[in-house]
C-alpha cells in the first residue's frame, strides 16, 4: 500500500528542513566571506550588505593558495590510492576466505577509529621525525591512508560480499589464479563500490586537519593549514577566515556535486537483487 500524499509531503518537508539545516552553515560562511570584518561580527547578524572581494584579495595575497591546493590534491589522491592498494587484498581474503577470527579482525580494525588521534600524536611525531617524514607529502599520505584504512576495508569487504561466489568458482575452474581472479573478475564487478569507496576516502583525506596541522609546516602544508593560518593570537578575522574556508572546501564540494550520482550508485551497489 502506497503512503498517502500527506505522508509523502510531510516526509519531503522533513527532508528539505534537514537539508537546509545542514547546508545553512556553509551558506552563511560563503556570505560572510563577502562582508567586511565589522559586518561579519555584528550583532544582530547582518543579512543585507554590500558585498566586497577585499577578503578574498587579502587571503590570496597573504599565502600561495595554489601551493596549498596542490598539496591537498596530491595528499588526498595519494592517500586514497595507498589505502585502496592495502585494503583490496585484505577485503578480498576476508570476504572469500574467511577464518574463525575474521569478524573479530574486522571489529578490531573498526575499533581503532575510536582512539582519539591526539592519543598517539607523540609517538607518531617522534617516529616521523626519526624517519625524516615530518613536513613531507609522503609522511602525510602514509598517516592519512592509515586513518581511513579501517573504513575502506569495511566498505570493500561489504561490496565484495555482494559478488556471487559462483562466478569466482567458475574462473578458478578455468584456471585463473587468485591475482587474476582479483584483478580481472572481482574488481570490474565491484567497480561501482570501489568508486564510491575511493570518493569517500578522497573527501575524508581532503578534510583531514589534525595530522596536517601537527606534522607539516610549510613544504607539505595543505588547505586545512592554509585555513588555520587566519586564526591568530590577536583574534579571529571572521570575514577572512570565511573566505579562506570557502576557497578550501570549494574544490571538494564541486567534485562531490559532479560525482554524487556515482557515489549514490556505488553506495547502493548490491542493495537490489
Protein backbone atom coordinates (compact mmCIF):
# COMPACT_ATOMS: atom_id res chain seq x y z
CA UNK A 1 0.00 0.00 0.00
CA UNK A 2 1.43 3.34 -1.08
CA UNK A 3 1.62 6.05 1.55
CA UNK A 4 -0.93 8.86 1.27
CA UNK A 5 0.10 12.13 -0.31
CA UNK A 6 0.03 13.82 3.10
CA UNK A 7 2.63 11.41 4.41
CA UNK A 8 4.79 11.88 1.32
CA UNK A 9 4.51 15.66 1.63
CA UNK A 10 5.44 15.52 5.31
CA UNK A 11 8.48 13.35 4.57
CA UNK A 12 9.52 15.69 1.77
CA UNK A 13 9.17 18.70 4.07
CA UNK A 14 11.25 17.00 6.78
CA UNK A 15 13.87 16.13 4.19
CA UNK A 16 14.07 19.73 2.99
CA UNK A 17 14.29 21.03 6.55
CA UNK A 18 17.15 18.68 7.40
CA UNK A 19 18.94 19.53 4.16
CA UNK A 20 18.61 23.27 4.79
CA UNK A 21 19.82 22.86 8.38
CA UNK A 22 22.92 21.03 7.12
CA UNK A 23 23.57 23.46 4.25
CA UNK A 24 22.91 26.70 6.17
CA UNK A 25 26.34 26.90 7.92
CA UNK A 26 28.07 26.53 4.55
CA UNK A 27 25.83 29.22 3.03
CA UNK A 28 26.46 31.58 5.96
CA UNK A 29 30.22 31.02 5.71
CA UNK A 30 30.08 31.77 1.99
CA UNK A 31 28.14 35.01 2.57
CA UNK A 32 30.41 36.07 5.45
CA UNK A 33 33.37 35.91 3.09
CA UNK A 34 31.86 38.85 1.19
CA UNK A 35 31.28 41.02 4.29
CA UNK A 36 33.59 43.48 5.98
CA UNK A 37 35.13 42.41 9.29
CA UNK A 38 32.78 44.74 11.16
CA UNK A 39 29.70 43.33 9.42
CA UNK A 40 30.92 39.76 9.99
CA UNK A 41 30.84 40.14 13.80
CA UNK A 42 27.87 42.50 14.04
CA UNK A 43 25.06 41.70 16.49
CA UNK A 44 22.37 41.08 15.37
CA UNK A 45 23.79 39.42 12.25
CA UNK A 46 23.82 41.50 9.09
CA UNK A 47 21.68 39.86 6.40
CA UNK A 48 21.64 42.61 3.77
CA UNK A 49 25.05 44.08 2.96
CA UNK A 50 27.15 45.39 0.12
CA UNK A 51 29.41 42.53 -0.98
CA UNK A 52 33.14 43.07 -1.22
CA UNK A 53 36.02 41.00 -2.58
CA UNK A 54 38.63 42.50 -0.27
CA UNK A 55 38.72 39.38 1.94
CA UNK A 56 39.45 37.07 -0.99
CA UNK A 57 42.06 39.51 -2.26
CA UNK A 58 43.71 39.65 1.17
CA UNK A 59 43.63 35.86 1.52
CA UNK A 60 45.22 35.26 -1.88
CA UNK A 61 47.86 37.94 -1.30
CA UNK A 62 48.81 36.56 2.10
CA UNK A 63 49.51 32.99 1.01
CA UNK A 64 50.08 30.95 -2.13
CA UNK A 65 46.69 29.28 -2.41
CA UNK A 66 47.68 27.14 -5.38
CA UNK A 67 50.63 25.63 -3.50
CA UNK A 68 48.38 24.55 -0.62
CA UNK A 69 45.80 23.26 -3.10
CA UNK A 70 48.41 21.19 -4.95
CA UNK A 71 49.49 19.64 -1.65
CA UNK A 72 45.89 18.81 -0.75
CA UNK A 73 45.26 17.19 -4.12
CA UNK A 74 48.48 15.18 -4.03
CA UNK A 75 47.91 14.10 -0.43
CA UNK A 76 44.24 13.12 -0.94
CA UNK A 77 44.82 11.18 -4.16
CA UNK A 78 48.00 9.52 -2.86
CA UNK A 79 46.41 8.53 0.46
CA UNK A 80 43.35 7.11 -1.28
CA UNK A 81 45.39 5.06 -3.75
CA UNK A 82 47.60 3.72 -0.95
CA UNK A 83 44.58 2.84 1.19
CA UNK A 84 42.90 1.03 -1.72
CA UNK A 85 46.09 -0.87 -2.54
CA UNK A 86 46.31 -2.12 1.04
CA UNK A 87 42.59 -2.67 1.59
CA UNK A 88 41.71 -4.61 -1.56
CA UNK A 89 43.78 -7.75 -0.81
CA UNK A 90 42.67 -7.66 2.84
CA UNK A 91 38.98 -7.31 1.97
CA UNK A 92 39.29 -9.96 -0.76
CA UNK A 93 40.83 -12.53 1.57
CA UNK A 94 38.32 -11.89 4.38
CA UNK A 95 35.32 -11.88 2.02
CA UNK A 96 36.10 -15.11 0.16
CA UNK A 97 38.47 -16.98 2.50
CA UNK A 98 37.08 -16.16 5.96
CA UNK A 99 38.63 -17.70 9.03
CA UNK A 100 37.49 -18.21 12.58
CA UNK A 101 38.52 -14.72 13.63
CA UNK A 102 37.60 -12.74 10.52
CA UNK A 103 34.74 -10.91 12.26
CA UNK A 104 36.97 -10.23 15.27
CA UNK A 105 39.63 -8.73 12.98
CA UNK A 106 37.07 -6.51 11.26
CA UNK A 107 35.69 -5.30 14.59
CA UNK A 108 39.21 -4.68 15.89
CA UNK A 109 40.06 -2.65 12.79
CA UNK A 110 36.92 -0.56 13.23
CA UNK A 111 37.61 -0.09 16.94
CA UNK A 112 40.88 1.68 16.12
CA UNK A 113 38.75 4.59 14.82
CA UNK A 114 37.52 5.10 18.39
CA UNK A 115 41.02 6.05 19.56
CA UNK A 116 41.49 9.85 19.63
CA UNK A 117 44.28 10.83 17.27
CA UNK A 118 45.82 13.03 19.94
CA UNK A 119 46.45 9.89 22.00
CA UNK A 120 49.10 8.71 19.53
CA UNK A 121 50.40 12.12 18.45
CA UNK A 122 53.66 11.99 20.44
CA UNK A 123 54.83 8.53 19.27
CA UNK A 124 53.80 9.26 15.68
CA UNK A 125 55.59 12.62 15.76
CA UNK A 126 58.80 11.05 17.15
CA UNK A 127 58.64 8.18 14.67
CA UNK A 128 58.08 10.52 11.72
CA UNK A 129 60.93 12.74 12.92
CA UNK A 130 63.33 9.81 13.12
CA UNK A 131 62.26 8.60 9.67
CA UNK A 132 62.58 12.06 8.14
CA UNK A 133 58.88 12.20 7.23
CA UNK A 134 57.96 15.43 9.01
CA UNK A 135 56.63 18.11 6.67
CA UNK A 136 56.64 15.74 3.69
CA UNK A 137 53.78 14.66 1.45
CA UNK A 138 54.92 11.05 1.78
CA UNK A 139 54.61 11.16 5.56
CA UNK A 140 51.19 12.80 5.34
CA UNK A 141 49.98 10.25 2.78
CA UNK A 142 51.01 7.34 4.99
CA UNK A 143 49.30 8.60 8.14
CA UNK A 144 46.14 9.66 6.29
CA UNK A 145 45.88 6.33 4.48
CA UNK A 146 46.23 4.57 7.82
CA UNK A 147 43.45 6.77 9.23
CA UNK A 148 40.95 5.85 6.50
CA UNK A 149 42.10 2.24 6.07
CA UNK A 150 39.58 0.63 8.51
CA UNK A 151 36.66 2.32 6.76
CA UNK A 152 37.99 1.42 3.31
CA UNK A 153 38.46 -2.24 4.29
CA UNK A 154 34.94 -2.43 5.74
CA UNK A 155 33.34 -0.89 2.66
CA UNK A 156 35.27 -3.06 0.21
CA UNK A 157 34.53 -6.15 2.31
CA UNK A 158 30.79 -5.36 2.10
CA UNK A 159 30.93 -4.78 -1.65
CA UNK A 160 32.97 -7.92 -2.32
CA UNK A 161 30.48 -10.00 -0.34
CA UNK A 162 27.77 -8.93 -2.81
CA UNK A 163 29.59 -10.64 -5.70
CA UNK A 164 28.20 -14.18 -6.26
CA UNK A 165 30.94 -16.65 -5.27
CA UNK A 166 29.87 -18.94 -8.13
CA UNK A 167 31.44 -16.51 -10.60
CA UNK A 168 34.79 -16.79 -8.86
CA UNK A 169 34.49 -20.56 -8.62
CA UNK A 170 33.90 -20.72 -12.37
CA UNK A 171 37.02 -18.65 -13.00
CA UNK A 172 39.07 -20.99 -10.82
CA UNK A 173 37.80 -23.97 -12.80
CA UNK A 174 39.04 -22.18 -15.94
CA UNK A 175 42.49 -21.94 -14.38
CA UNK A 176 42.52 -18.34 -13.13
CA UNK A 177 44.99 -17.59 -10.35
CA UNK A 178 43.96 -15.60 -7.28
CA UNK A 179 45.64 -12.45 -8.58
CA UNK A 180 43.90 -12.84 -11.97
CA UNK A 181 40.63 -13.52 -10.19
CA UNK A 182 41.00 -10.33 -8.14
CA UNK A 183 42.16 -8.06 -10.96
CA UNK A 184 40.18 -9.31 -13.96
CA UNK A 185 36.95 -10.50 -12.39
CA UNK A 186 36.30 -9.16 -8.91
CA UNK A 187 37.44 -5.57 -9.45
CA UNK A 188 35.34 -4.98 -12.61
CA UNK A 189 32.26 -6.50 -10.95
CA UNK A 190 32.77 -4.32 -7.86
CA UNK A 191 33.71 -1.16 -9.77
CA UNK A 192 30.75 0.95 -8.50
CA UNK A 193 31.50 0.05 -4.90
CA UNK A 194 35.22 0.68 -5.33
CA UNK A 195 34.50 4.06 -6.91
CA UNK A 196 32.22 5.03 -4.02
CA UNK A 197 34.87 3.94 -1.51
CA UNK A 198 37.55 5.94 -3.33
CA UNK A 199 35.34 9.05 -3.45
CA UNK A 200 34.53 8.85 0.24
CA UNK A 201 38.19 8.27 1.14
CA UNK A 202 39.20 11.21 -1.04
CA UNK A 203 36.76 13.53 0.74
CA UNK A 204 37.85 12.35 4.20
CA UNK A 205 41.53 12.83 3.36
CA UNK A 206 40.87 16.28 1.88
CA UNK A 207 39.10 17.41 5.06
CA UNK A 208 41.68 15.91 7.44
CA UNK A 209 43.14 18.63 9.65
CA UNK A 210 44.71 17.11 12.78
CA UNK A 211 47.73 15.44 11.18
CA UNK A 212 48.23 18.23 8.67
CA UNK A 213 48.44 20.80 11.44
CA UNK A 214 50.79 18.73 13.61
CA UNK A 215 53.06 17.03 11.07
CA UNK A 216 53.54 19.78 8.48
CA UNK A 217 54.74 23.37 8.49
CA UNK A 218 55.48 24.74 5.02
CA UNK A 219 56.53 22.27 2.32
CA UNK A 220 53.65 19.78 2.71
CA UNK A 221 51.05 22.11 4.26
CA UNK A 222 47.54 21.54 2.91
CA UNK A 223 44.47 23.75 2.66
CA UNK A 224 43.50 22.94 6.25
CA UNK A 225 46.76 24.56 7.38
CA UNK A 226 46.04 27.44 4.99
CA UNK A 227 42.65 27.97 6.66
CA UNK A 228 44.01 27.69 10.21
CA UNK A 229 46.61 30.37 9.48
CA UNK A 230 43.85 33.01 9.61
CA UNK A 231 43.40 32.37 13.31
CA UNK A 232 45.90 34.43 15.30
CA UNK A 233 46.58 35.37 18.96
CA UNK A 234 45.10 38.78 18.19
CA UNK A 235 41.74 37.19 17.44
CA UNK A 236 39.71 35.63 14.70
CA UNK A 237 39.23 37.55 11.48
CA UNK A 238 35.85 36.04 10.67
CA UNK A 239 35.42 37.50 7.20
CA UNK A 240 38.90 36.47 6.03
CA UNK A 241 38.57 33.11 7.77
CA UNK A 242 35.27 32.52 5.96
CA UNK A 243 36.83 33.47 2.63
CA UNK A 244 39.76 31.12 3.25
CA UNK A 245 37.42 28.31 4.30
CA UNK A 246 35.31 28.79 1.18
CA UNK A 247 38.41 28.54 -1.00
CA UNK A 248 39.49 25.42 0.91
CA UNK A 249 36.23 23.48 0.57
CA UNK A 250 35.23 24.72 -2.90
CA UNK A 251 37.23 22.11 -4.90
CA UNK A 252 35.96 19.11 -2.95
CA UNK A 253 32.37 20.43 -2.92
CA UNK A 254 32.39 20.90 -6.69
CA UNK A 255 33.92 17.44 -7.10
CA UNK A 256 31.26 15.98 -4.79
CA UNK A 257 28.41 17.56 -6.72
CA UNK A 258 29.80 16.31 -10.02
CA UNK A 259 30.27 12.75 -8.75
CA UNK A 260 27.22 12.47 -6.48
CA UNK A 261 25.41 10.16 -8.89
CA UNK A 262 28.36 7.76 -8.97
CA UNK A 263 28.66 7.98 -5.18
CA UNK A 264 25.00 7.10 -4.60
CA UNK A 265 25.17 4.33 -7.21
CA UNK A 266 28.23 2.87 -5.54
CA UNK A 267 26.85 3.06 -2.00
CA UNK A 268 23.66 1.31 -3.14
CA UNK A 269 25.63 -1.35 -5.03
CA UNK A 270 24.10 -4.74 -4.33
CA UNK A 271 21.11 -3.29 -2.47
CA UNK A 272 18.65 -4.56 -5.08
CA UNK A 273 18.90 -8.16 -6.17
